[in-house]
Amino acid sequence: MVIFEALERLLASHRPDAVAIEEVFTAKNARSALVLGHARGVALLAAARTGVAVHEYPARRVKQTITGSGAAEKDQVRRVLQLQLGEVPAELDASDALAVALCHLRFLSPRGPGGKP
């Protein structure tokens, strides 16, 4: 309930045009996958209730867009973001979220990902 209410408040106050989220992936740890699935479902519900468009990206596409390699590790994604943007969150999950947002922005670009036509 805490995540849902916080997301609803953020969506209402910032009124974004879209929400970008990573697609479901298979995790090695079943409990982690279950918890992540619950949190992801809550985020999707909050977006749907506020009428915000949701765009989903596979993790490999996010990594490919940011680093050039779909097999990049989390710390590599963070380092590339730091090179591109300067300051980025220290927490890997937060930098992953930033990577998803940046991936979405690049796919919205009229020239496509990486600035290619």
N, C-alpha and C. Protein backbone atom coordinates (compact mmCIF):
# COMPACT_ATOMS: atom_id res chain seq x y z
N MET A 1 0.83 -1.19 0.00
CA MET A 1 0.00 0.00 0.00
C MET A 1 0.87 1.26 0.00
N VAL A 2 2.01 1.19 0.65
CA VAL A 2 2.91 2.34 0.73
C VAL A 2 3.41 2.72 -0.66
N ILE A 3 3.85 1.74 -1.44
CA ILE A 3 4.35 2.00 -2.79
C ILE A 3 3.25 2.59 -3.65
N PHE A 4 2.07 2.00 -3.61
CA PHE A 4 0.95 2.46 -4.42
C PHE A 4 0.59 3.91 -4.09
N GLU A 5 0.44 4.21 -2.83
CA GLU A 5 0.06 5.57 -2.43
C GLU A 5 1.13 6.58 -2.80
N ALA A 6 2.39 6.21 -2.63
CA ALA A 6 3.48 7.12 -2.99
C ALA A 6 3.50 7.37 -4.49
N LEU A 7 3.32 6.32 -5.27
CA LEU A 7 3.30 6.48 -6.73
C LEU A 7 2.11 7.30 -7.19
N GLU A 8 0.95 7.07 -6.59
CA GLU A 8 -0.22 7.87 -6.95
C GLU A 8 0.01 9.35 -6.67
N ARG A 9 0.59 9.65 -5.52
CA ARG A 9 0.89 11.05 -5.18
C ARG A 9 1.88 11.65 -6.18
N LEU A 10 2.93 10.91 -6.50
CA LEU A 10 3.92 11.41 -7.47
C LEU A 10 3.31 11.63 -8.85
N LEU A 11 2.51 10.68 -9.30
CA LEU A 11 1.87 10.81 -10.61
C LEU A 11 0.90 11.99 -10.64
N ALA A 12 0.18 12.18 -9.54
CA ALA A 12 -0.77 13.30 -9.48
C ALA A 12 -0.05 14.65 -9.43
N SER A 13 1.04 14.73 -8.69
CA SER A 13 1.72 16.01 -8.54
C SER A 13 2.59 16.37 -9.74
N HIS A 14 3.21 15.37 -10.39
CA HIS A 14 4.10 15.65 -11.52
C HIS A 14 3.42 15.53 -12.88
N ARG A 15 2.31 14.80 -12.93
CA ARG A 15 1.51 14.63 -14.15
C ARG A 15 2.36 14.31 -15.38
N PRO A 16 3.10 13.19 -15.35
CA PRO A 16 3.94 12.84 -16.50
C PRO A 16 3.07 12.42 -17.69
N ASP A 17 3.65 12.52 -18.87
CA ASP A 17 2.97 12.07 -20.09
C ASP A 17 2.99 10.56 -20.20
N ALA A 18 4.00 9.96 -19.61
CA ALA A 18 4.18 8.51 -19.75
C ALA A 18 4.97 7.95 -18.57
N VAL A 19 4.85 6.64 -18.42
CA VAL A 19 5.63 5.89 -17.44
C VAL A 19 6.40 4.83 -18.23
N ALA A 20 7.69 4.74 -17.99
CA ALA A 20 8.51 3.70 -18.63
C ALA A 20 8.89 2.69 -17.56
N ILE A 21 8.75 1.43 -17.90
CA ILE A 21 9.01 0.37 -16.92
C ILE A 21 9.68 -0.80 -17.62
N GLU A 22 10.51 -1.51 -16.88
CA GLU A 22 11.19 -2.68 -17.43
C GLU A 22 10.21 -3.84 -17.51
N GLU A 23 10.28 -4.60 -18.63
CA GLU A 23 9.43 -5.77 -18.76
C GLU A 23 9.81 -6.83 -17.74
N VAL A 24 8.90 -7.76 -17.51
CA VAL A 24 9.15 -8.85 -16.59
C VAL A 24 10.31 -9.69 -17.11
N PHE A 25 11.16 -10.11 -16.21
CA PHE A 25 12.26 -10.99 -16.57
C PHE A 25 12.29 -12.14 -15.59
N THR A 26 13.01 -13.19 -15.93
CA THR A 26 13.11 -14.32 -15.02
C THR A 26 14.29 -14.08 -14.08
N ALA A 27 14.05 -14.28 -12.82
CA ALA A 27 15.08 -14.07 -11.81
C ALA A 27 15.57 -15.43 -11.29
N LYS A 28 16.78 -15.43 -10.79
CA LYS A 28 17.33 -16.67 -10.23
C LYS A 28 16.68 -17.00 -8.89
N ASN A 29 16.27 -15.98 -8.15
CA ASN A 29 15.68 -16.15 -6.84
C ASN A 29 14.16 -15.98 -6.96
N ALA A 30 13.42 -17.04 -6.69
CA ALA A 30 11.96 -17.01 -6.85
C ALA A 30 11.31 -15.98 -5.95
N ARG A 31 11.78 -15.85 -4.72
CA ARG A 31 11.20 -14.87 -3.79
C ARG A 31 11.41 -13.44 -4.31
N SER A 32 12.61 -13.14 -4.78
CA SER A 32 12.90 -11.82 -5.33
C SER A 32 12.00 -11.53 -6.53
N ALA A 33 11.80 -12.53 -7.39
CA ALA A 33 10.95 -12.36 -8.56
C ALA A 33 9.51 -12.07 -8.15
N LEU A 34 9.04 -12.75 -7.13
CA LEU A 34 7.68 -12.55 -6.65
C LEU A 34 7.50 -11.15 -6.09
N VAL A 35 8.42 -10.71 -5.25
CA VAL A 35 8.35 -9.37 -4.66
C VAL A 35 8.42 -8.31 -5.75
N LEU A 36 9.34 -8.49 -6.70
CA LEU A 36 9.47 -7.55 -7.81
C LEU A 36 8.18 -7.52 -8.64
N GLY A 37 7.60 -8.67 -8.88
CA GLY A 37 6.34 -8.74 -9.62
C GLY A 37 5.22 -8.00 -8.93
N HIS A 38 5.15 -8.11 -7.61
CA HIS A 38 4.14 -7.37 -6.85
C HIS A 38 4.35 -5.87 -6.98
N ALA A 39 5.57 -5.43 -6.79
CA ALA A 39 5.88 -3.99 -6.88
C ALA A 39 5.60 -3.47 -8.29
N ARG A 40 5.96 -4.25 -9.29
CA ARG A 40 5.73 -3.86 -10.68
C ARG A 40 4.23 -3.74 -10.96
N GLY A 41 3.45 -4.70 -10.46
CA GLY A 41 2.00 -4.67 -10.63
C GLY A 41 1.37 -3.44 -9.99
N VAL A 42 1.86 -3.09 -8.83
CA VAL A 42 1.37 -1.89 -8.13
C VAL A 42 1.69 -0.64 -8.95
N ALA A 43 2.89 -0.59 -9.52
CA ALA A 43 3.27 0.57 -10.34
C ALA A 43 2.38 0.66 -11.58
N LEU A 44 2.11 -0.47 -12.22
CA LEU A 44 1.23 -0.48 -13.39
C LEU A 44 -0.19 -0.06 -13.03
N LEU A 45 -0.67 -0.51 -11.87
CA LEU A 45 -2.00 -0.13 -11.41
C LEU A 45 -2.08 1.37 -11.15
N ALA A 46 -1.09 1.92 -10.49
CA ALA A 46 -1.08 3.36 -10.20
C ALA A 46 -1.09 4.17 -11.51
N ALA A 47 -0.30 3.75 -12.48
CA ALA A 47 -0.27 4.44 -13.77
C ALA A 47 -1.63 4.34 -14.47
N ALA A 48 -2.21 3.15 -14.46
CA ALA A 48 -3.50 2.94 -15.11
C ALA A 48 -4.60 3.79 -14.46
N ARG A 49 -4.59 3.86 -13.15
CA ARG A 49 -5.62 4.64 -12.44
C ARG A 49 -5.52 6.13 -12.71
N THR A 50 -4.33 6.60 -13.02
CA THR A 50 -4.17 8.03 -13.32
C THR A 50 -4.23 8.31 -14.82
N GLY A 51 -4.38 7.26 -15.63
CA GLY A 51 -4.52 7.43 -17.07
C GLY A 51 -3.22 7.72 -17.80
N VAL A 52 -2.10 7.43 -17.19
CA VAL A 52 -0.80 7.68 -17.80
C VAL A 52 -0.43 6.51 -18.72
N ALA A 53 0.07 6.82 -19.91
CA ALA A 53 0.50 5.78 -20.84
C ALA A 53 1.70 5.05 -20.26
N VAL A 54 1.72 3.73 -20.42
CA VAL A 54 2.82 2.91 -19.92
C VAL A 54 3.57 2.32 -21.12
N HIS A 55 4.90 2.44 -21.08
CA HIS A 55 5.76 1.89 -22.11
C HIS A 55 6.71 0.91 -21.43
N GLU A 56 6.76 -0.31 -21.94
CA GLU A 56 7.60 -1.35 -21.34
C GLU A 56 8.77 -1.67 -22.26
N TYR A 57 9.94 -1.85 -21.64
CA TYR A 57 11.16 -2.16 -22.38
C TYR A 57 11.84 -3.37 -21.77
N PRO A 58 12.27 -4.31 -22.60
CA PRO A 58 13.04 -5.45 -22.07
C PRO A 58 14.37 -4.96 -21.51
N ALA A 59 14.85 -5.61 -20.47
CA ALA A 59 16.12 -5.22 -19.84
C ALA A 59 17.25 -5.19 -20.86
N ARG A 60 17.28 -6.16 -21.75
CA ARG A 60 18.35 -6.19 -22.77
C ARG A 60 18.31 -4.96 -23.67
N ARG A 61 17.11 -4.50 -24.02
CA ARG A 61 17.00 -3.31 -24.86
C ARG A 61 17.49 -2.07 -24.11
N VAL A 62 17.14 -1.98 -22.83
CA VAL A 62 17.60 -0.84 -22.02
C VAL A 62 19.13 -0.83 -21.99
N LYS A 63 19.72 -1.97 -21.67
CA LYS A 63 21.18 -2.07 -21.59
C LYS A 63 21.83 -1.77 -22.94
N GLN A 64 21.25 -2.29 -24.02
CA GLN A 64 21.78 -2.05 -25.36
C GLN A 64 21.72 -0.57 -25.70
N THR A 65 20.61 0.08 -25.38
CA THR A 65 20.44 1.50 -25.68
C THR A 65 21.42 2.36 -24.90
N ILE A 66 21.67 2.02 -23.66
CA ILE A 66 22.53 2.83 -22.80
C ILE A 66 24.01 2.53 -23.01
N THR A 67 24.37 1.24 -23.07
CA THR A 67 25.79 0.87 -23.09
C THR A 67 26.28 0.35 -24.44
N GLY A 68 25.36 -0.04 -25.30
CA GLY A 68 25.76 -0.67 -26.55
C GLY A 68 25.82 -2.18 -26.46
N SER A 69 25.61 -2.72 -25.25
CA SER A 69 25.62 -4.17 -25.05
C SER A 69 24.41 -4.59 -24.24
N GLY A 70 23.61 -5.49 -24.79
CA GLY A 70 22.45 -6.00 -24.08
C GLY A 70 22.79 -6.89 -22.91
N ALA A 71 24.07 -7.27 -22.78
CA ALA A 71 24.51 -8.14 -21.69
C ALA A 71 25.25 -7.36 -20.60
N ALA A 72 25.19 -6.04 -20.64
CA ALA A 72 25.91 -5.22 -19.66
C ALA A 72 25.44 -5.50 -18.24
N GLU A 73 26.36 -5.39 -17.29
CA GLU A 73 26.03 -5.55 -15.87
C GLU A 73 25.52 -4.22 -15.33
N LYS A 74 24.84 -4.28 -14.17
CA LYS A 74 24.27 -3.08 -13.56
C LYS A 74 25.32 -1.98 -13.32
N ASP A 75 26.48 -2.36 -12.85
CA ASP A 75 27.51 -1.34 -12.57
C ASP A 75 28.03 -0.70 -13.86
N GLN A 76 28.05 -1.47 -14.95
CA GLN A 76 28.46 -0.91 -16.23
C GLN A 76 27.42 0.10 -16.73
N VAL A 77 26.14 -0.22 -16.57
CA VAL A 77 25.07 0.71 -16.95
C VAL A 77 25.23 2.01 -16.16
N ARG A 78 25.47 1.89 -14.87
CA ARG A 78 25.64 3.07 -14.02
C ARG A 78 26.83 3.91 -14.47
N ARG A 79 27.96 3.27 -14.78
CA ARG A 79 29.16 4.01 -15.21
C ARG A 79 28.92 4.76 -16.52
N VAL A 80 28.24 4.12 -17.47
CA VAL A 80 27.95 4.79 -18.74
C VAL A 80 27.00 5.97 -18.51
N LEU A 81 25.99 5.78 -17.66
CA LEU A 81 25.10 6.89 -17.34
C LEU A 81 25.87 8.05 -16.72
N GLN A 82 26.82 7.72 -15.85
CA GLN A 82 27.63 8.76 -15.21
C GLN A 82 28.45 9.51 -16.25
N LEU A 83 29.00 8.81 -17.23
CA LEU A 83 29.75 9.47 -18.30
C LEU A 83 28.85 10.37 -19.13
N GLN A 84 27.62 9.93 -19.38
CA GLN A 84 26.69 10.68 -20.22
C GLN A 84 26.06 11.86 -19.49
N LEU A 85 25.74 11.66 -18.20
CA LEU A 85 24.94 12.65 -17.48
C LEU A 85 25.69 13.39 -16.38
N GLY A 86 26.85 12.89 -16.00
CA GLY A 86 27.58 13.51 -14.90
C GLY A 86 27.26 12.81 -13.60
N GLU A 87 26.29 13.30 -12.89
CA GLU A 87 25.93 12.75 -11.59
C GLU A 87 24.74 11.81 -11.72
N VAL A 88 24.85 10.63 -11.14
CA VAL A 88 23.76 9.65 -11.15
C VAL A 88 23.62 9.05 -9.75
N PRO A 89 22.47 8.46 -9.45
CA PRO A 89 22.28 7.85 -8.13
C PRO A 89 23.32 6.75 -7.86
N ALA A 90 23.75 6.65 -6.63
CA ALA A 90 24.73 5.62 -6.26
C ALA A 90 24.10 4.23 -6.23
N GLU A 91 22.82 4.14 -5.88
CA GLU A 91 22.15 2.85 -5.79
C GLU A 91 21.92 2.30 -7.19
N LEU A 92 22.27 1.04 -7.39
CA LEU A 92 22.15 0.43 -8.71
C LEU A 92 20.70 0.35 -9.18
N ASP A 93 19.75 0.10 -8.28
CA ASP A 93 18.35 0.04 -8.69
C ASP A 93 17.88 1.42 -9.16
N ALA A 94 18.34 2.48 -8.52
CA ALA A 94 17.97 3.83 -8.93
C ALA A 94 18.60 4.18 -10.28
N SER A 95 19.84 3.79 -10.49
CA SER A 95 20.46 4.07 -11.78
C SER A 95 19.81 3.21 -12.88
N ASP A 96 19.34 2.00 -12.54
CA ASP A 96 18.59 1.19 -13.50
C ASP A 96 17.31 1.91 -13.91
N ALA A 97 16.62 2.49 -12.95
CA ALA A 97 15.39 3.22 -13.26
C ALA A 97 15.69 4.41 -14.17
N LEU A 98 16.77 5.09 -13.89
CA LEU A 98 17.19 6.21 -14.74
C LEU A 98 17.50 5.71 -16.15
N ALA A 99 18.11 4.55 -16.27
CA ALA A 99 18.43 3.96 -17.58
C ALA A 99 17.15 3.66 -18.36
N VAL A 100 16.13 3.15 -17.69
CA VAL A 100 14.85 2.87 -18.35
C VAL A 100 14.24 4.17 -18.86
N ALA A 101 14.29 5.22 -18.04
CA ALA A 101 13.74 6.51 -18.46
C ALA A 101 14.50 7.07 -19.66
N LEU A 102 15.81 6.99 -19.63
CA LEU A 102 16.62 7.49 -20.73
C LEU A 102 16.39 6.66 -22.00
N CYS A 103 16.26 5.36 -21.85
CA CYS A 103 15.94 4.49 -22.98
C CYS A 103 14.62 4.94 -23.61
N HIS A 104 13.63 5.20 -22.79
CA HIS A 104 12.33 5.65 -23.29
C HIS A 104 12.47 6.97 -24.05
N LEU A 105 13.21 7.90 -23.50
CA LEU A 105 13.42 9.17 -24.18
C LEU A 105 14.09 8.97 -25.54
N ARG A 106 15.04 8.09 -25.60
CA ARG A 106 15.73 7.84 -26.87
C ARG A 106 14.83 7.18 -27.89
N PHE A 107 13.92 6.33 -27.44
CA PHE A 107 12.99 5.71 -28.38
C PHE A 107 11.91 6.69 -28.83
N LEU A 108 11.67 7.73 -28.06
CA LEU A 108 10.70 8.76 -28.46
C LEU A 108 11.30 9.73 -29.47
N SER A 109 12.61 9.80 -29.51
CA SER A 109 13.29 10.73 -30.41
C SER A 109 12.89 10.42 -31.85
N PRO A 110 12.63 11.49 -32.64
CA PRO A 110 12.25 11.25 -34.05
C PRO A 110 13.33 10.50 -34.83
N ARG A 111 14.57 10.57 -34.35
CA ARG A 111 15.66 9.88 -35.05
C ARG A 111 15.90 8.49 -34.50
N GLY A 112 15.17 8.07 -33.47
CA GLY A 112 15.30 6.71 -32.96
C GLY A 112 16.42 6.56 -31.96
N PRO A 113 16.62 5.34 -31.44
CA PRO A 113 17.65 5.10 -30.42
C PRO A 113 19.05 5.42 -30.96
N GLY A 114 19.82 6.06 -30.13
CA GLY A 114 21.19 6.38 -30.52
C GLY A 114 21.29 7.47 -31.56
N GLY A 115 20.16 8.15 -31.85
CA GLY A 115 20.16 9.24 -32.81
C GLY A 115 20.19 8.79 -34.26
N LYS A 116 19.96 7.49 -34.49
CA LYS A 116 20.00 6.96 -35.86
C LYS A 116 18.63 7.12 -36.51
N PRO A 117 18.59 7.45 -37.79
CA PRO A 117 17.29 7.60 -38.48
C PRO A 117 16.56 6.29 -38.63
